[in-house]
Amino acid sequence: MSNIPDYINLSYDFNIQGYVIIRNFFSQPEIHHITSCVEPIYQQWLKENRDALIRDELINMHSLTHPKYFQDNCLDRIKFFELIASPKLTNLVENIFDQGIIFHNTQLFFNSHNKSKSPYWHRDLQYSSIDDTIQKKEQKNLCLLHIRIPLVAEKGIELIPETHQRWDSELEKNVRFQLNGHTNSEDLPGTVLIELNVGDILIFDAQMIHRGNYRLNKVRKALDLCVAKQHPLTKIFLDKDLLPNNEEIAFIRNNQWYQY
């Protein structure tokens, strides 16, 4: 049986529902390698942010490619960029979404220190300065993707299919913005709870309505790669500190995600 992904059906499924799951995409050695790169960064972040982790009930960290995590060995940063944009992954993404994908950021998701913290529904850009009416207008012109790589098995995220192609119902709007007595943690109709094993990956539209689900997992650790196609609305979110510089790009063998 061929291990080549069915790109046509993956592209079709994404266009219809806003997400795709590729089972057994990474081998155990590949996941071990990813984990060995992520864990030292995570431990350094924990050391610096333990108080905030508890006080603010944090569920993720971001900016794993920041130079401060690689001060002892700058070559490790180049290796990390290469790992993020491995040919195996870039080929998959570009066969589904065509060319023009660029790297934006990384996030690592984990459980809140507060075991009773409620998951909350959102679209990623609602936490930006971009007005919701503009987001709605540009929704079909945006390609903002999360590539989730679970480092431990998880039932870690809930999605509302097709909300990458349409805007909120009245109920969804009230829940997302906590209007008219609603809270952003209450259940919504039509949701799908995604279960991933180690080696699987999930690609979903960051602007579809979604929420993390950390109550179902005793341990949660998932690396998200945030990639996108260039758009005037999202260009302002590119942080040069998180991107390879020109000298580093020259040493990254598969560097198309870093060409701006």
C-alpha atoms as a PDB file:
ATOM      1  CA  MET A   1       0.000   0.000   0.000  1.00  0.00           C
ATOM      2  CA  SER A   2       1.353   3.439  -0.901  1.00  0.00           C
ATOM      3  CA  ASN A   3       2.261   5.852   1.886  1.00  0.00           C
ATOM      4  CA  ILE A   4       1.838   8.848  -0.414  1.00  0.00           C
ATOM      5  CA  PRO A   5      -0.935  11.112   0.961  1.00  0.00           C
ATOM      6  CA  ASP A   6      -4.034  11.575  -1.163  1.00  0.00           C
ATOM      7  CA  TYR A   7      -3.497  15.285  -1.778  1.00  0.00           C
ATOM      8  CA  ILE A   8      -6.635  15.761  -3.849  1.00  0.00           C
ATOM      9  CA  ASN A   9      -8.937  14.395  -1.166  1.00  0.00           C
ATOM     10  CA  LEU A  10      -7.048  16.192   1.607  1.00  0.00           C
ATOM     11  CA  SER A  11      -7.463  19.484  -0.242  1.00  0.00           C
ATOM     12  CA  TYR A  12     -11.133  18.751  -0.871  1.00  0.00           C
ATOM     13  CA  ASP A  13     -11.751  17.814   2.765  1.00  0.00           C
ATOM     14  CA  PHE A  14     -10.042  20.963   4.006  1.00  0.00           C
ATOM     15  CA  ASN A  15     -12.041  23.174   1.671  1.00  0.00           C
ATOM     16  CA  ILE A  16     -15.275  21.608   2.922  1.00  0.00           C
ATOM     17  CA  GLN A  17     -14.658  21.291   6.651  1.00  0.00           C
ATOM     18  CA  GLY A  18     -11.680  23.542   7.486  1.00  0.00           C
ATOM     19  CA  TYR A  19      -9.368  20.855   8.804  1.00  0.00           C
ATOM     20  CA  VAL A  20      -7.650  17.601   7.869  1.00  0.00           C
ATOM     21  CA  ILE A  21      -5.981  14.875   9.912  1.00  0.00           C
ATOM     22  CA  ILE A  22      -3.058  12.899   8.519  1.00  0.00           C
ATOM     23  CA  ARG A  23      -2.583   9.737  10.532  1.00  0.00           C
ATOM     24  CA  ASN A  24       0.890   8.307  11.218  1.00  0.00           C
ATOM     25  CA  PHE A  25       2.560  11.154   9.355  1.00  0.00           C
ATOM     26  CA  PHE A  26       5.625  11.221  11.610  1.00  0.00           C
ATOM     27  CA  SER A  27       7.548   8.152  12.729  1.00  0.00           C
ATOM     28  CA  GLN A  28       8.461   7.567  16.362  1.00  0.00           C
ATOM     29  CA  PRO A  29      12.116   8.591  15.744  1.00  0.00           C
ATOM     30  CA  GLU A  30      10.913  11.801  14.088  1.00  0.00           C
ATOM     31  CA  ILE A  31       8.660  12.626  17.053  1.00  0.00           C
ATOM     32  CA  HIS A  32      11.519  11.861  19.413  1.00  0.00           C
ATOM     33  CA  HIS A  33      13.710  14.296  17.486  1.00  0.00           C
ATOM     34  CA  ILE A  34      11.045  17.015  17.571  1.00  0.00           C
ATOM     35  CA  THR A  35      10.554  16.482  21.300  1.00  0.00           C
ATOM     36  CA  SER A  36      14.291  16.646  21.980  1.00  0.00           C
ATOM     37  CA  CYS A  37      14.402  20.059  20.286  1.00  0.00           C
ATOM     38  CA  VAL A  38      11.266  21.433  21.940  1.00  0.00           C
ATOM     39  CA  GLU A  39      11.814  20.251  25.507  1.00  0.00           C
ATOM     40  CA  PRO A  40      14.919  22.391  26.351  1.00  0.00           C
ATOM     41  CA  ILE A  41      13.103  25.483  25.051  1.00  0.00           C
ATOM     42  CA  TYR A  42      10.033  24.640  27.094  1.00  0.00           C
ATOM     43  CA  GLN A  43      12.079  24.065  30.243  1.00  0.00           C
ATOM     44  CA  GLN A  44      13.863  27.401  29.822  1.00  0.00           C
ATOM     45  CA  TRP A  45      10.520  29.134  29.318  1.00  0.00           C
ATOM     46  CA  LEU A  46       9.094  27.413  32.421  1.00  0.00           C
ATOM     47  CA  LYS A  47      12.021  28.587  34.504  1.00  0.00           C
ATOM     48  CA  GLU A  48      11.434  32.180  33.419  1.00  0.00           C
ATOM     49  CA  ASN A  49       7.624  32.141  33.556  1.00  0.00           C
ATOM     50  CA  ARG A  50       6.600  29.833  36.387  1.00  0.00           C
ATOM     51  CA  ASP A  51       4.907  32.622  38.346  1.00  0.00           C
ATOM     52  CA  ALA A  52       2.956  33.798  35.280  1.00  0.00           C
ATOM     53  CA  LEU A  53       2.064  30.204  34.438  1.00  0.00           C
ATOM     54  CA  ILE A  54       0.224  29.915  37.747  1.00  0.00           C
ATOM     55  CA  ARG A  55      -1.033  33.491  38.087  1.00  0.00           C
ATOM     56  CA  ASP A  56      -2.384  33.825  34.551  1.00  0.00           C
ATOM     57  CA  GLU A  57      -3.455  30.184  34.138  1.00  0.00           C
ATOM     58  CA  LEU A  58      -1.450  29.932  30.917  1.00  0.00           C
ATOM     59  CA  ILE A  59      -2.173  27.134  28.475  1.00  0.00           C
ATOM     60  CA  ASN A  60       0.559  27.797  25.927  1.00  0.00           C
ATOM     61  CA  MET A  61       3.839  29.454  25.148  1.00  0.00           C
ATOM     62  CA  HIS A  62       4.856  30.924  21.808  1.00  0.00           C
ATOM     63  CA  SER A  63       7.943  32.090  19.922  1.00  0.00           C
ATOM     64  CA  LEU A  64      10.014  28.930  20.325  1.00  0.00           C
ATOM     65  CA  THR A  65      12.348  30.163  17.567  1.00  0.00           C
ATOM     66  CA  HIS A  66      13.368  33.315  19.459  1.00  0.00           C
ATOM     67  CA  PRO A  67      17.185  33.738  19.579  1.00  0.00           C
ATOM     68  CA  LYS A  68      17.189  33.881  23.398  1.00  0.00           C
ATOM     69  CA  TYR A  69      16.580  30.122  23.475  1.00  0.00           C
ATOM     70  CA  PHE A  70      19.686  29.432  21.399  1.00  0.00           C
ATOM     71  CA  GLN A  71      22.324  31.642  22.964  1.00  0.00           C
ATOM     72  CA  ASP A  72      24.562  28.689  23.829  1.00  0.00           C
ATOM     73  CA  ASN A  73      24.531  27.255  20.316  1.00  0.00           C
ATOM     74  CA  CYS A  74      23.264  29.296  17.371  1.00  0.00           C
ATOM     75  CA  LEU A  75      23.562  26.248  15.103  1.00  0.00           C
ATOM     76  CA  ASP A  76      20.737  24.631  17.051  1.00  0.00           C
ATOM     77  CA  ARG A  77      18.456  27.431  15.879  1.00  0.00           C
ATOM     78  CA  ILE A  78      19.247  26.664  12.247  1.00  0.00           C
ATOM     79  CA  LYS A  79      18.583  22.980  12.922  1.00  0.00           C
ATOM     80  CA  PHE A  80      15.258  23.872  14.545  1.00  0.00           C
ATOM     81  CA  PHE A  81      14.214  25.951  11.538  1.00  0.00           C
ATOM     82  CA  GLU A  82      15.137  23.008   9.316  1.00  0.00           C
ATOM     83  CA  LEU A  83      13.093  20.682  11.495  1.00  0.00           C
ATOM     84  CA  ILE A  84      10.045  22.958  11.313  1.00  0.00           C
ATOM     85  CA  ALA A  85      10.274  23.190   7.525  1.00  0.00           C
ATOM     86  CA  SER A  86      11.251  19.613   6.757  1.00  0.00           C
ATOM     87  CA  PRO A  87      10.766  18.637   3.097  1.00  0.00           C
ATOM     88  CA  LYS A  88       8.306  15.969   4.212  1.00  0.00           C
ATOM     89  CA  LEU A  89       6.054  18.585   5.820  1.00  0.00           C
ATOM     90  CA  THR A  90       6.485  21.419   3.320  1.00  0.00           C
ATOM     91  CA  ASN A  91       5.696  19.058   0.440  1.00  0.00           C
ATOM     92  CA  LEU A  92       2.515  17.936   2.170  1.00  0.00           C
ATOM     93  CA  VAL A  93       1.349  21.479   2.918  1.00  0.00           C
ATOM     94  CA  GLU A  94       2.167  22.848  -0.517  1.00  0.00           C
ATOM     95  CA  ASN A  95       0.426  19.948  -2.251  1.00  0.00           C
ATOM     96  CA  ILE A  96      -2.731  20.724  -0.275  1.00  0.00           C
ATOM     97  CA  PHE A  97      -2.581  24.537  -0.239  1.00  0.00           C
ATOM     98  CA  ASP A  98      -0.325  25.304  -3.217  1.00  0.00           C
ATOM     99  CA  GLN A  99       2.795  27.441  -2.986  1.00  0.00           C
ATOM    100  CA  GLY A 100       3.147  30.713  -1.099  1.00  0.00           C
ATOM    101  CA  ILE A 101       3.059  29.359   2.458  1.00  0.00           C
ATOM    102  CA  ILE A 102       5.285  31.268   4.881  1.00  0.00           C
ATOM    103  CA  PHE A 103       6.247  30.640   8.476  1.00  0.00           C
ATOM    104  CA  HIS A 104       4.894  32.968  11.178  1.00  0.00           C
ATOM    105  CA  ASN A 105       5.359  31.481  14.626  1.00  0.00           C
ATOM    106  CA  THR A 106       5.286  28.443  16.889  1.00  0.00           C
ATOM    107  CA  GLN A 107       3.217  27.603  19.939  1.00  0.00           C
ATOM    108  CA  LEU A 108       3.421  24.850  22.519  1.00  0.00           C
ATOM    109  CA  PHE A 109       0.164  23.898  24.224  1.00  0.00           C
ATOM    110  CA  PHE A 110      -0.077  22.327  27.667  1.00  0.00           C
ATOM    111  CA  ASN A 111      -2.579  22.017  30.507  1.00  0.00           C
ATOM    112  CA  SER A 112      -3.404  24.938  32.734  1.00  0.00           C
ATOM    113  CA  HIS A 113      -2.065  24.830  36.285  1.00  0.00           C
ATOM    114  CA  ASN A 114      -5.682  25.455  37.293  1.00  0.00           C
ATOM    115  CA  LYS A 115      -7.379  22.103  36.634  1.00  0.00           C
ATOM    116  CA  SER A 116     -10.812  23.750  36.526  1.00  0.00           C
ATOM    117  CA  LYS A 117      -9.963  26.314  33.834  1.00  0.00           C
ATOM    118  CA  SER A 118     -12.648  26.311  31.154  1.00  0.00           C
ATOM    119  CA  PRO A 119     -11.802  26.009  27.436  1.00  0.00           C
ATOM    120  CA  TYR A 120     -13.017  28.978  25.396  1.00  0.00           C
ATOM    121  CA  TRP A 121     -14.268  29.360  21.839  1.00  0.00           C
ATOM    122  CA  HIS A 122     -12.479  31.805  19.559  1.00  0.00           C
ATOM    123  CA  ARG A 123     -11.165  32.697  16.134  1.00  0.00           C
ATOM    124  CA  ASP A 124      -7.455  33.527  16.343  1.00  0.00           C
ATOM    125  CA  LEU A 125      -7.620  37.089  15.016  1.00  0.00           C
ATOM    126  CA  GLN A 126     -10.272  38.148  17.516  1.00  0.00           C
ATOM    127  CA  TYR A 127      -7.414  38.889  19.922  1.00  0.00           C
ATOM    128  CA  SER A 128      -5.831  41.286  17.430  1.00  0.00           C
ATOM    129  CA  SER A 129      -6.636  44.919  16.729  1.00  0.00           C
ATOM    130  CA  ILE A 130      -8.405  43.967  13.480  1.00  0.00           C
ATOM    131  CA  ASP A 131     -12.109  44.774  13.712  1.00  0.00           C
ATOM    132  CA  ASP A 132     -14.440  41.797  13.565  1.00  0.00           C
ATOM    133  CA  THR A 133     -16.329  43.217  10.570  1.00  0.00           C
ATOM    134  CA  ILE A 134     -13.068  43.390   8.604  1.00  0.00           C
ATOM    135  CA  GLN A 135     -12.210  39.842   9.616  1.00  0.00           C
ATOM    136  CA  LYS A 136     -15.610  38.711   8.359  1.00  0.00           C
ATOM    137  CA  LYS A 137     -15.147  40.536   5.064  1.00  0.00           C
ATOM    138  CA  GLU A 138     -11.680  39.038   4.471  1.00  0.00           C
ATOM    139  CA  GLN A 139     -12.386  35.558   5.809  1.00  0.00           C
ATOM    140  CA  LYS A 140     -12.387  33.834   2.412  1.00  0.00           C
ATOM    141  CA  ASN A 141      -9.197  35.649   1.386  1.00  0.00           C
ATOM    142  CA  LEU A 142      -7.207  34.508   4.406  1.00  0.00           C
ATOM    143  CA  CYS A 143      -5.157  31.343   4.660  1.00  0.00           C
ATOM    144  CA  LEU A 144      -4.023  31.076   8.281  1.00  0.00           C
ATOM    145  CA  LEU A 145      -3.071  27.561   9.325  1.00  0.00           C
ATOM    146  CA  HIS A 146      -2.154  25.716  12.479  1.00  0.00           C
ATOM    147  CA  ILE A 147      -0.208  22.504  12.000  1.00  0.00           C
ATOM    148  CA  ARG A 148      -0.630  20.590  15.245  1.00  0.00           C
ATOM    149  CA  ILE A 149       1.978  17.987  16.139  1.00  0.00           C
ATOM    150  CA  PRO A 150       1.016  16.182  19.368  1.00  0.00           C
ATOM    151  CA  LEU A 151       4.042  15.098  21.367  1.00  0.00           C
ATOM    152  CA  VAL A 152       1.748  13.020  23.578  1.00  0.00           C
ATOM    153  CA  ALA A 153      -1.595  11.533  22.560  1.00  0.00           C
ATOM    154  CA  GLU A 154      -4.464  13.940  23.136  1.00  0.00           C
ATOM    155  CA  LYS A 155      -8.113  14.744  22.827  1.00  0.00           C
ATOM    156  CA  GLY A 156      -6.929  18.269  22.643  1.00  0.00           C
ATOM    157  CA  ILE A 157      -9.001  20.485  20.409  1.00  0.00           C
ATOM    158  CA  GLU A 158     -12.607  21.053  19.380  1.00  0.00           C
ATOM    159  CA  LEU A 159     -13.553  22.558  16.033  1.00  0.00           C
ATOM    160  CA  ILE A 160     -16.774  23.705  14.397  1.00  0.00           C
ATOM    161  CA  PRO A 161     -16.509  22.479  10.797  1.00  0.00           C
ATOM    162  CA  GLU A 162     -17.255  24.883   7.961  1.00  0.00           C
ATOM    163  CA  THR A 163     -16.776  28.004  10.098  1.00  0.00           C
ATOM    164  CA  HIS A 164     -13.705  28.749   7.979  1.00  0.00           C
ATOM    165  CA  GLN A 165     -16.150  29.497   5.149  1.00  0.00           C
ATOM    166  CA  ARG A 166     -18.924  31.274   7.028  1.00  0.00           C
ATOM    167  CA  TRP A 167     -19.191  33.762   9.870  1.00  0.00           C
ATOM    168  CA  ASP A 168     -20.848  33.277  13.253  1.00  0.00           C
ATOM    169  CA  SER A 169     -24.430  32.344  13.874  1.00  0.00           C
ATOM    170  CA  GLU A 170     -26.114  34.568  16.446  1.00  0.00           C
ATOM    171  CA  LEU A 171     -25.444  31.974  19.148  1.00  0.00           C
ATOM    172  CA  GLU A 172     -21.800  31.561  18.150  1.00  0.00           C
ATOM    173  CA  LYS A 173     -21.296  35.326  18.218  1.00  0.00           C
ATOM    174  CA  ASN A 174     -22.873  35.620  21.668  1.00  0.00           C
ATOM    175  CA  VAL A 175     -20.717  32.796  23.017  1.00  0.00           C
ATOM    176  CA  ARG A 176     -17.471  33.905  21.384  1.00  0.00           C
ATOM    177  CA  PHE A 177     -17.798  37.467  22.703  1.00  0.00           C
ATOM    178  CA  GLN A 178     -19.693  36.587  25.901  1.00  0.00           C
ATOM    179  CA  LEU A 179     -22.766  38.660  25.005  1.00  0.00           C
ATOM    180  CA  ASN A 180     -26.338  38.519  26.308  1.00  0.00           C
ATOM    181  CA  GLY A 181     -25.537  36.327  29.277  1.00  0.00           C
ATOM    182  CA  HIS A 182     -23.476  33.757  27.405  1.00  0.00           C
ATOM    183  CA  THR A 183     -19.958  32.597  28.288  1.00  0.00           C
ATOM    184  CA  ASN A 184     -17.229  31.638  25.852  1.00  0.00           C
ATOM    185  CA  SER A 185     -16.865  28.211  27.478  1.00  0.00           C
ATOM    186  CA  GLU A 186     -20.392  26.906  26.976  1.00  0.00           C
ATOM    187  CA  ASP A 187     -21.018  24.086  24.529  1.00  0.00           C
ATOM    188  CA  LEU A 188     -21.970  24.882  20.952  1.00  0.00           C
ATOM    189  CA  PRO A 189     -23.807  22.713  18.417  1.00  0.00           C
ATOM    190  CA  GLY A 190     -22.040  20.973  15.549  1.00  0.00           C
ATOM    191  CA  THR A 191     -18.650  20.618  17.232  1.00  0.00           C
ATOM    192  CA  VAL A 192     -16.060  17.925  16.572  1.00  0.00           C
ATOM    193  CA  LEU A 193     -13.614  16.760  19.238  1.00  0.00           C
ATOM    194  CA  ILE A 194     -10.316  15.800  17.618  1.00  0.00           C
ATOM    195  CA  GLU A 195      -8.356  12.851  18.993  1.00  0.00           C
ATOM    196  CA  LEU A 196      -4.742  12.552  17.884  1.00  0.00           C
ATOM    197  CA  ASN A 197      -2.130   9.898  18.498  1.00  0.00           C
ATOM    198  CA  VAL A 198       1.591  10.546  18.529  1.00  0.00           C
ATOM    199  CA  GLY A 199       2.663  10.651  14.885  1.00  0.00           C
ATOM    200  CA  ASP A 200      -0.617  12.141  13.646  1.00  0.00           C
ATOM    201  CA  ILE A 201      -0.877  15.759  12.571  1.00  0.00           C
ATOM    202  CA  LEU A 202      -3.867  18.075  12.380  1.00  0.00           C
ATOM    203  CA  ILE A 203      -3.993  21.028   9.986  1.00  0.00           C
ATOM    204  CA  PHE A 204      -6.801  23.475  10.661  1.00  0.00           C
ATOM    205  CA  ASP A 205      -7.850  26.982   9.721  1.00  0.00           C
ATOM    206  CA  ALA A 206      -6.911  29.340  12.567  1.00  0.00           C
ATOM    207  CA  GLN A 207      -9.935  31.506  11.777  1.00  0.00           C
ATOM    208  CA  MET A 208     -12.492  28.739  12.170  1.00  0.00           C
ATOM    209  CA  ILE A 209     -14.224  28.654  15.558  1.00  0.00           C
ATOM    210  CA  HIS A 210     -12.241  26.366  17.841  1.00  0.00           C
ATOM    211  CA  ARG A 211     -11.141  25.820  21.409  1.00  0.00           C
ATOM    212  CA  GLY A 212      -8.582  23.767  23.271  1.00  0.00           C
ATOM    213  CA  ASN A 213      -9.801  20.953  25.474  1.00  0.00           C
ATOM    214  CA  TYR A 214      -7.419  20.371  28.355  1.00  0.00           C
ATOM    215  CA  ARG A 215      -9.764  18.697  30.810  1.00  0.00           C
ATOM    216  CA  LEU A 216      -9.666  15.363  28.973  1.00  0.00           C
ATOM    217  CA  ASN A 217      -5.886  15.037  29.112  1.00  0.00           C
ATOM    218  CA  LYS A 218      -3.848  14.382  32.246  1.00  0.00           C
ATOM    219  CA  VAL A 219      -0.801  15.500  30.283  1.00  0.00           C
ATOM    220  CA  ARG A 220      -0.912  17.705  27.229  1.00  0.00           C
ATOM    221  CA  LYS A 221       1.973  18.793  25.048  1.00  0.00           C
ATOM    222  CA  ALA A 222       1.355  19.766  21.435  1.00  0.00           C
ATOM    223  CA  LEU A 223       3.544  21.806  19.101  1.00  0.00           C
ATOM    224  CA  ASP A 224       1.685  24.076  16.700  1.00  0.00           C
ATOM    225  CA  LEU A 225       3.388  25.538  13.654  1.00  0.00           C
ATOM    226  CA  CYS A 226       1.660  28.732  12.543  1.00  0.00           C
ATOM    227  CA  VAL A 227       1.975  29.253   8.798  1.00  0.00           C
ATOM    228  CA  ALA A 228       0.022  31.354   6.335  1.00  0.00           C
ATOM    229  CA  LYS A 229      -0.179  32.895   2.902  1.00  0.00           C
ATOM    230  CA  GLN A 230       0.731  36.544   2.740  1.00  0.00           C
ATOM    231  CA  HIS A 231      -2.128  38.971   3.237  1.00  0.00           C
ATOM    232  CA  PRO A 232      -2.092  42.687   4.122  1.00  0.00           C
ATOM    233  CA  LEU A 233      -3.991  42.031   7.357  1.00  0.00           C
ATOM    234  CA  THR A 234      -1.510  39.503   8.698  1.00  0.00           C
ATOM    235  CA  LYS A 235       1.740  40.987   7.438  1.00  0.00           C
ATOM    236  CA  ILE A 236       1.922  43.153  10.561  1.00  0.00           C
ATOM    237  CA  PHE A 237       2.186  40.043  12.750  1.00  0.00           C
ATOM    238  CA  LEU A 238       5.487  38.900  11.271  1.00  0.00           C
ATOM    239  CA  ASP A 239       8.133  39.305  13.966  1.00  0.00           C
ATOM    240  CA  LYS A 240      11.650  39.393  12.554  1.00  0.00           C
ATOM    241  CA  ASP A 241      13.047  38.121  15.849  1.00  0.00           C
ATOM    242  CA  LEU A 242      11.255  34.823  15.263  1.00  0.00           C
ATOM    243  CA  LEU A 243      12.453  34.426  11.682  1.00  0.00           C
ATOM    244  CA  PRO A 244      15.850  33.348  10.409  1.00  0.00           C
ATOM    245  CA  ASN A 245      18.102  36.186   9.330  1.00  0.00           C
ATOM    246  CA  ASN A 246      19.709  36.265   5.896  1.00  0.00           C
ATOM    247  CA  GLU A 247      22.827  34.510   7.118  1.00  0.00           C
ATOM    248  CA  GLU A 248      20.800  31.727   8.736  1.00  0.00           C
ATOM    249  CA  ILE A 249      18.563  31.285   5.704  1.00  0.00           C
ATOM    250  CA  ALA A 250      21.638  30.530   3.607  1.00  0.00           C
ATOM    251  CA  PHE A 251      22.322  27.503   5.813  1.00  0.00           C
ATOM    252  CA  ILE A 252      18.724  26.205   5.856  1.00  0.00           C
ATOM    253  CA  ARG A 253      18.501  23.651   3.075  1.00  0.00           C
ATOM    254  CA  ASN A 254      14.727  23.703   2.608  1.00  0.00           C
ATOM    255  CA  ASN A 255      14.034  27.373   3.224  1.00  0.00           C
ATOM    256  CA  GLN A 256      11.021  28.334   1.086  1.00  0.00           C
ATOM    257  CA  TRP A 257       8.831  28.926   4.162  1.00  0.00           C
ATOM    258  CA  TYR A 258      11.284  31.631   5.242  1.00  0.00           C
ATOM    259  CA  GLN A 259      11.452  33.555   1.976  1.00  0.00           C
ATOM    260  CA  TYR A 260       9.409  36.753   2.343  1.00  0.00           C
END
